[in-house]
Amino acid sequence: MTNQKTCMRCGSKKMAAGKAQSSGRVYFRPDSVSFFSLQTADLAIKGFMCLDCGNIELVGDVKKARSLV
């Protein structure tokens, strides 16, 4: 079984992996995180861009998110 990404917009298999970034990294922070958590609430975001239509898909760290909420 292959783990190749498919574009959700056009169905292309030409996907480039990367990450969302600004002057620093861009993170997602859930609203319902406990203040007393022993880890940071910042969840890294991975990205995939379709090289045919330009659609960008963002994917967060599900395992860490579940441990926070």
PDB file of N, CA and C in Angstrom:
ATOM      1  N   MET A   1       0.848  -1.181   0.000  1.00  0.00           N
ATOM      2  CA  MET A   1       0.000   0.000   0.000  1.00  0.00           C
ATOM      3  C   MET A   1       0.892   1.242   0.000  1.00  0.00           C
ATOM      4  N   THR A   2       0.568   2.220  -0.815  1.00  0.00           N
ATOM      5  CA  THR A   2       1.367   3.443  -0.917  1.00  0.00           C
ATOM      6  C   THR A   2       0.808   4.540  -0.017  1.00  0.00           C
ATOM      7  N   ASN A   3       1.666   5.429   0.435  1.00  0.00           N
ATOM      8  CA  ASN A   3       1.262   6.533   1.293  1.00  0.00           C
ATOM      9  C   ASN A   3       1.343   7.848   0.517  1.00  0.00           C
ATOM     10  N   GLN A   4       1.195   7.788  -0.811  1.00  0.00           N
ATOM     11  CA  GLN A   4       1.303   8.968  -1.648  1.00  0.00           C
ATOM     12  C   GLN A   4       0.076   9.863  -1.476  1.00  0.00           C
ATOM     13  N   LYS A   5       0.316  11.168  -1.318  1.00  0.00           N
ATOM     14  CA  LYS A   5      -0.771  12.130  -1.156  1.00  0.00           C
ATOM     15  C   LYS A   5      -1.449  12.384  -2.506  1.00  0.00           C
ATOM     16  N   THR A   6      -2.734  12.630  -2.448  1.00  0.00           N
ATOM     17  CA  THR A   6      -3.517  12.996  -3.624  1.00  0.00           C
ATOM     18  C   THR A   6      -4.143  14.357  -3.356  1.00  0.00           C
ATOM     19  N   CYS A   7      -4.100  15.235  -4.333  1.00  0.00           N
ATOM     20  CA  CYS A   7      -4.700  16.562  -4.193  1.00  0.00           C
ATOM     21  C   CYS A   7      -6.202  16.429  -3.998  1.00  0.00           C
ATOM     22  N   MET A   8      -6.725  17.096  -2.956  1.00  0.00           N
ATOM     23  CA  MET A   8      -8.159  17.047  -2.665  1.00  0.00           C
ATOM     24  C   MET A   8      -8.956  17.884  -3.670  1.00  0.00           C
ATOM     25  N   ARG A   9      -8.289  18.774  -4.402  1.00  0.00           N
ATOM     26  CA  ARG A   9      -8.989  19.657  -5.338  1.00  0.00           C
ATOM     27  C   ARG A   9      -9.069  19.064  -6.744  1.00  0.00           C
ATOM     28  N   CYS A  10      -7.910  18.600  -7.277  1.00  0.00           N
ATOM     29  CA  CYS A  10      -7.902  18.152  -8.673  1.00  0.00           C
ATOM     30  C   CYS A  10      -7.572  16.669  -8.844  1.00  0.00           C
ATOM     31  N   GLY A  11      -7.164  15.982  -7.765  1.00  0.00           N
ATOM     32  CA  GLY A  11      -6.870  14.558  -7.848  1.00  0.00           C
ATOM     33  C   GLY A  11      -5.456  14.222  -8.303  1.00  0.00           C
ATOM     34  N   SER A  12      -4.629  15.230  -8.510  1.00  0.00           N
ATOM     35  CA  SER A  12      -3.248  15.007  -8.957  1.00  0.00           C
ATOM     36  C   SER A  12      -2.435  14.273  -7.889  1.00  0.00           C
ATOM     37  N   LYS A  13      -1.443  13.519  -8.322  1.00  0.00           N
ATOM     38  CA  LYS A  13      -0.511  12.834  -7.414  1.00  0.00           C
ATOM     39  C   LYS A  13       0.791  13.628  -7.275  1.00  0.00           C
ATOM     40  N   LYS A  14       0.887  14.784  -7.927  1.00  0.00           N
ATOM     41  CA  LYS A  14       2.099  15.604  -7.884  1.00  0.00           C
ATOM     42  C   LYS A  14       2.035  16.559  -6.695  1.00  0.00           C
ATOM     43  N   MET A  15       2.403  16.052  -5.518  1.00  0.00           N
ATOM     44  CA  MET A  15       2.326  16.824  -4.287  1.00  0.00           C
ATOM     45  C   MET A  15       3.717  17.056  -3.718  1.00  0.00           C
ATOM     46  N   ALA A  16       3.997  18.287  -3.312  1.00  0.00           N
ATOM     47  CA  ALA A  16       5.276  18.642  -2.695  1.00  0.00           C
ATOM     48  C   ALA A  16       5.045  18.876  -1.206  1.00  0.00           C
ATOM     49  N   ALA A  17       5.831  18.193  -0.365  1.00  0.00           N
ATOM     50  CA  ALA A  17       5.715  18.356   1.089  1.00  0.00           C
ATOM     51  C   ALA A  17       6.472  19.594   1.537  1.00  0.00           C
ATOM     52  N   GLY A  18       6.023  20.219   2.614  1.00  0.00           N
ATOM     53  CA  GLY A  18       6.688  21.388   3.180  1.00  0.00           C
ATOM     54  C   GLY A  18       6.049  21.746   4.500  1.00  0.00           C
ATOM     55  N   LYS A  19       6.204  22.988   4.925  1.00  0.00           N
ATOM     56  CA  LYS A  19       5.589  23.442   6.164  1.00  0.00           C
ATOM     57  C   LYS A  19       5.173  24.894   6.022  1.00  0.00           C
ATOM     58  N   ALA A  20       4.155  25.293   6.765  1.00  0.00           N
ATOM     59  CA  ALA A  20       3.714  26.676   6.789  1.00  0.00           C
ATOM     60  C   ALA A  20       4.700  27.467   7.640  1.00  0.00           C
ATOM     61  N   GLN A  21       5.097  28.649   7.174  1.00  0.00           N
ATOM     62  CA  GLN A  21       6.097  29.410   7.902  1.00  0.00           C
ATOM     63  C   GLN A  21       5.896  30.907   7.695  1.00  0.00           C
ATOM     64  N   SER A  22       6.222  31.688   8.719  1.00  0.00           N
ATOM     65  CA  SER A  22       6.230  33.147   8.619  1.00  0.00           C
ATOM     66  C   SER A  22       7.626  33.583   9.041  1.00  0.00           C
ATOM     67  N   SER A  23       7.771  34.663   9.793  1.00  0.00           N
ATOM     68  CA  SER A  23       9.094  35.042  10.288  1.00  0.00           C
ATOM     69  C   SER A  23       9.588  34.025  11.305  1.00  0.00           C
ATOM     70  N   GLY A  24       8.677  33.228  11.806  1.00  0.00           N
ATOM     71  CA  GLY A  24       8.936  32.074  12.661  1.00  0.00           C
ATOM     72  C   GLY A  24       7.990  30.996  12.203  1.00  0.00           C
ATOM     73  N   ARG A  25       7.961  29.887  12.839  1.00  0.00           N
ATOM     74  CA  ARG A  25       7.034  28.826  12.448  1.00  0.00           C
ATOM     75  C   ARG A  25       5.601  29.231  12.764  1.00  0.00           C
ATOM     76  N   VAL A  26       4.669  28.720  12.002  1.00  0.00           N
ATOM     77  CA  VAL A  26       3.245  28.917  12.246  1.00  0.00           C
ATOM     78  C   VAL A  26       2.744  27.680  12.971  1.00  0.00           C
ATOM     79  N   TYR A  27       2.042  27.887  14.079  1.00  0.00           N
ATOM     80  CA  TYR A  27       1.543  26.787  14.879  1.00  0.00           C
ATOM     81  C   TYR A  27       0.047  26.912  15.067  1.00  0.00           C
ATOM     82  N   PHE A  28      -0.589  25.798  15.380  1.00  0.00           N
ATOM     83  CA  PHE A  28      -1.990  25.781  15.762  1.00  0.00           C
ATOM     84  C   PHE A  28      -2.028  25.531  17.265  1.00  0.00           C
ATOM     85  N   ARG A  29      -2.862  26.269  17.978  1.00  0.00           N
ATOM     86  CA  ARG A  29      -2.981  26.103  19.421  1.00  0.00           C
ATOM     87  C   ARG A  29      -4.458  25.883  19.762  1.00  0.00           C
ATOM     88  N   PRO A  30      -4.831  24.671  20.225  1.00  0.00           N
ATOM     89  CA  PRO A  30      -6.234  24.415  20.583  1.00  0.00           C
ATOM     90  C   PRO A  30      -6.699  25.325  21.714  1.00  0.00           C
ATOM     91  N   ASP A  31      -7.955  25.748  21.680  1.00  0.00           N
ATOM     92  CA  ASP A  31      -8.521  26.614  22.716  1.00  0.00           C
ATOM     93  C   ASP A  31      -8.665  25.910  24.057  1.00  0.00           C
ATOM     94  N   SER A  32      -8.917  24.607  24.041  1.00  0.00           N
ATOM     95  CA  SER A  32      -9.256  23.896  25.274  1.00  0.00           C
ATOM     96  C   SER A  32      -8.061  23.235  25.961  1.00  0.00           C
ATOM     97  N   VAL A  33      -6.860  23.767  25.787  1.00  0.00           N
ATOM     98  CA  VAL A  33      -5.661  23.194  26.405  1.00  0.00           C
ATOM     99  C   VAL A  33      -5.596  23.588  27.877  1.00  0.00           C
ATOM    100  N   SER A  34      -5.249  22.624  28.717  1.00  0.00           N
ATOM    101  CA  SER A  34      -5.096  22.889  30.147  1.00  0.00           C
ATOM    102  C   SER A  34      -3.888  23.792  30.384  1.00  0.00           C
ATOM    103  N   PHE A  35      -4.038  24.747  31.270  1.00  0.00           N
ATOM    104  CA  PHE A  35      -2.940  25.654  31.611  1.00  0.00           C
ATOM    105  C   PHE A  35      -1.788  24.902  32.257  1.00  0.00           C
ATOM    106  N   PHE A  36      -2.079  23.800  32.935  1.00  0.00           N
ATOM    107  CA  PHE A  36      -1.077  23.054  33.699  1.00  0.00           C
ATOM    108  C   PHE A  36      -0.437  21.912  32.910  1.00  0.00           C
ATOM    109  N   SER A  37      -0.530  21.937  31.611  1.00  0.00           N
ATOM    110  CA  SER A  37       0.081  20.897  30.781  1.00  0.00           C
ATOM    111  C   SER A  37       1.603  20.974  30.890  1.00  0.00           C
ATOM    112  N   LEU A  38       2.259  19.812  30.881  1.00  0.00           N
ATOM    113  CA  LEU A  38       3.725  19.763  30.983  1.00  0.00           C
ATOM    114  C   LEU A  38       4.414  19.958  29.644  1.00  0.00           C
ATOM    115  N   GLN A  39       3.662  20.130  28.585  1.00  0.00           N
ATOM    116  CA  GLN A  39       4.241  20.364  27.267  1.00  0.00           C
ATOM    117  C   GLN A  39       3.635  21.625  26.657  1.00  0.00           C
ATOM    118  N   THR A  40       4.305  22.185  25.671  1.00  0.00           N
ATOM    119  CA  THR A  40       3.774  23.387  25.033  1.00  0.00           C
ATOM    120  C   THR A  40       2.520  23.034  24.243  1.00  0.00           C
ATOM    121  N   ALA A  41       1.648  23.992  24.069  1.00  0.00           N
ATOM    122  CA  ALA A  41       0.391  23.772  23.350  1.00  0.00           C
ATOM    123  C   ALA A  41       0.533  24.034  21.854  1.00  0.00           C
ATOM    124  N   ASP A  42       1.724  24.373  21.389  1.00  0.00           N
ATOM    125  CA  ASP A  42       1.928  24.651  19.972  1.00  0.00           C
ATOM    126  C   ASP A  42       1.999  23.355  19.180  1.00  0.00           C
ATOM    127  N   LEU A  43       1.159  23.248  18.167  1.00  0.00           N
ATOM    128  CA  LEU A  43       1.130  22.062  17.312  1.00  0.00           C
ATOM    129  C   LEU A  43       1.720  22.423  15.954  1.00  0.00           C
ATOM    130  N   ALA A  44       2.767  21.725  15.566  1.00  0.00           N
ATOM    131  CA  ALA A  44       3.397  21.985  14.272  1.00  0.00           C
ATOM    132  C   ALA A  44       2.423  21.661  13.142  1.00  0.00           C
ATOM    133  N   ILE A  45       2.547  22.398  12.055  1.00  0.00           N
ATOM    134  CA  ILE A  45       1.697  22.210  10.886  1.00  0.00           C
ATOM    135  C   ILE A  45       2.572  21.803   9.710  1.00  0.00           C
ATOM    136  N   LYS A  46       2.262  20.642   9.112  1.00  0.00           N
ATOM    137  CA  LYS A  46       2.926  20.222   7.880  1.00  0.00           C
ATOM    138  C   LYS A  46       2.036  20.643   6.725  1.00  0.00           C
ATOM    139  N   GLY A  47       2.631  20.830   5.576  1.00  0.00           N
ATOM    140  CA  GLY A  47       1.846  21.219   4.419  1.00  0.00           C
ATOM    141  C   GLY A  47       2.202  20.412   3.185  1.00  0.00           C
ATOM    142  N   PHE A  48       1.251  20.361   2.265  1.00  0.00           N
ATOM    143  CA  PHE A  48       1.450  19.711   0.978  1.00  0.00           C
ATOM    144  C   PHE A  48       0.850  20.623  -0.081  1.00  0.00           C
ATOM    145  N   MET A  49       1.622  20.898  -1.142  1.00  0.00           N
ATOM    146  CA  MET A  49       1.133  21.748  -2.223  1.00  0.00           C
ATOM    147  C   MET A  49       1.051  20.940  -3.511  1.00  0.00           C
ATOM    148  N   CYS A  50      -0.078  21.047  -4.192  1.00  0.00           N
ATOM    149  CA  CYS A  50      -0.262  20.383  -5.477  1.00  0.00           C
ATOM    150  C   CYS A  50       0.535  21.146  -6.536  1.00  0.00           C
ATOM    151  N   LEU A  51       1.366  20.433  -7.262  1.00  0.00           N
ATOM    152  CA  LEU A  51       2.190  21.063  -8.290  1.00  0.00           C
ATOM    153  C   LEU A  51       1.436  21.253  -9.606  1.00  0.00           C
ATOM    154  N   ASP A  52       0.170  20.825  -9.665  1.00  0.00           N
ATOM    155  CA  ASP A  52      -0.651  21.042 -10.859  1.00  0.00           C
ATOM    156  C   ASP A  52      -1.614  22.214 -10.688  1.00  0.00           C
ATOM    157  N   CYS A  53      -2.320  22.289  -9.539  1.00  0.00           N
ATOM    158  CA  CYS A  53      -3.326  23.349  -9.385  1.00  0.00           C
ATOM    159  C   CYS A  53      -2.989  24.367  -8.299  1.00  0.00           C
ATOM    160  N   GLY A  54      -1.965  24.090  -7.464  1.00  0.00           N
ATOM    161  CA  GLY A  54      -1.563  25.035  -6.431  1.00  0.00           C
ATOM    162  C   GLY A  54      -2.301  24.916  -5.112  1.00  0.00           C
ATOM    163  N   ASN A  55      -3.237  23.991  -5.006  1.00  0.00           N
ATOM    164  CA  ASN A  55      -3.962  23.796  -3.744  1.00  0.00           C
ATOM    165  C   ASN A  55      -2.978  23.429  -2.636  1.00  0.00           C
ATOM    166  N   ILE A  56      -3.185  23.990  -1.444  1.00  0.00           N
ATOM    167  CA  ILE A  56      -2.328  23.690  -0.297  1.00  0.00           C
ATOM    168  C   ILE A  56      -3.171  23.036   0.786  1.00  0.00           C
ATOM    169  N   GLU A  57      -2.705  21.885   1.290  1.00  0.00           N
ATOM    170  CA  GLU A  57      -3.357  21.155   2.366  1.00  0.00           C
ATOM    171  C   GLU A  57      -2.488  21.259   3.609  1.00  0.00           C
ATOM    172  N   LEU A  58      -3.067  21.646   4.739  1.00  0.00           N
ATOM    173  CA  LEU A  58      -2.340  21.746   6.000  1.00  0.00           C
ATOM    174  C   LEU A  58      -2.757  20.603   6.913  1.00  0.00           C
ATOM    175  N   VAL A  59      -1.775  19.980   7.590  1.00  0.00           N
ATOM    176  CA  VAL A  59      -2.023  18.832   8.449  1.00  0.00           C
ATOM    177  C   VAL A  59      -1.337  19.060   9.789  1.00  0.00           C
ATOM    178  N   GLY A  60      -2.071  18.911  10.888  1.00  0.00           N
ATOM    179  CA  GLY A  60      -1.528  19.104  12.229  1.00  0.00           C
ATOM    180  C   GLY A  60      -1.137  17.791  12.888  1.00  0.00           C
ATOM    181  N   ASP A  61      -0.447  17.900  14.012  1.00  0.00           N
ATOM    182  CA  ASP A  61       0.029  16.767  14.801  1.00  0.00           C
ATOM    183  C   ASP A  61      -1.110  16.241  15.674  1.00  0.00           C
ATOM    184  N   VAL A  62      -1.825  15.231  15.202  1.00  0.00           N
ATOM    185  CA  VAL A  62      -3.011  14.701  15.878  1.00  0.00           C
ATOM    186  C   VAL A  62      -2.644  14.070  17.226  1.00  0.00           C
ATOM    187  N   LYS A  63      -1.560  13.329  17.274  1.00  0.00           N
ATOM    188  CA  LYS A  63      -1.159  12.644  18.520  1.00  0.00           C
ATOM    189  C   LYS A  63      -0.937  13.648  19.646  1.00  0.00           C
ATOM    190  N   LYS A  64      -0.222  14.739  19.372  1.00  0.00           N
ATOM    191  CA  LYS A  64       0.025  15.750  20.401  1.00  0.00           C
ATOM    192  C   LYS A  64      -1.270  16.468  20.760  1.00  0.00           C
ATOM    193  N   ALA A  65      -2.115  16.766  19.777  1.00  0.00           N
ATOM    194  CA  ALA A  65      -3.370  17.456  20.040  1.00  0.00           C
ATOM    195  C   ALA A  65      -4.253  16.644  20.981  1.00  0.00           C
ATOM    196  N   ARG A  66      -4.323  15.331  20.753  1.00  0.00           N
ATOM    197  CA  ARG A  66      -5.140  14.477  21.623  1.00  0.00           C
ATOM    198  C   ARG A  66      -4.594  14.465  23.056  1.00  0.00           C
ATOM    199  N   SER A  67      -3.272  14.543  23.202  1.00  0.00           N
ATOM    200  CA  SER A  67      -2.707  14.525  24.547  1.00  0.00           C
ATOM    201  C   SER A  67      -2.947  15.846  25.287  1.00  0.00           C
ATOM    202  N   LEU A  68      -3.257  16.910  24.571  1.00  0.00           N
ATOM    203  CA  LEU A  68      -3.466  18.224  25.175  1.00  0.00           C
ATOM    204  C   LEU A  68      -4.903  18.504  25.581  1.00  0.00           C
ATOM    205  N   VAL A  69      -5.841  17.928  24.851  1.00  0.00           N
ATOM    206  CA  VAL A  69      -7.266  18.270  25.096  1.00  0.00           C
ATOM    207  C   VAL A  69      -7.990  17.167  25.824  1.00  0.00           C
TER     208      VAL A  69
END
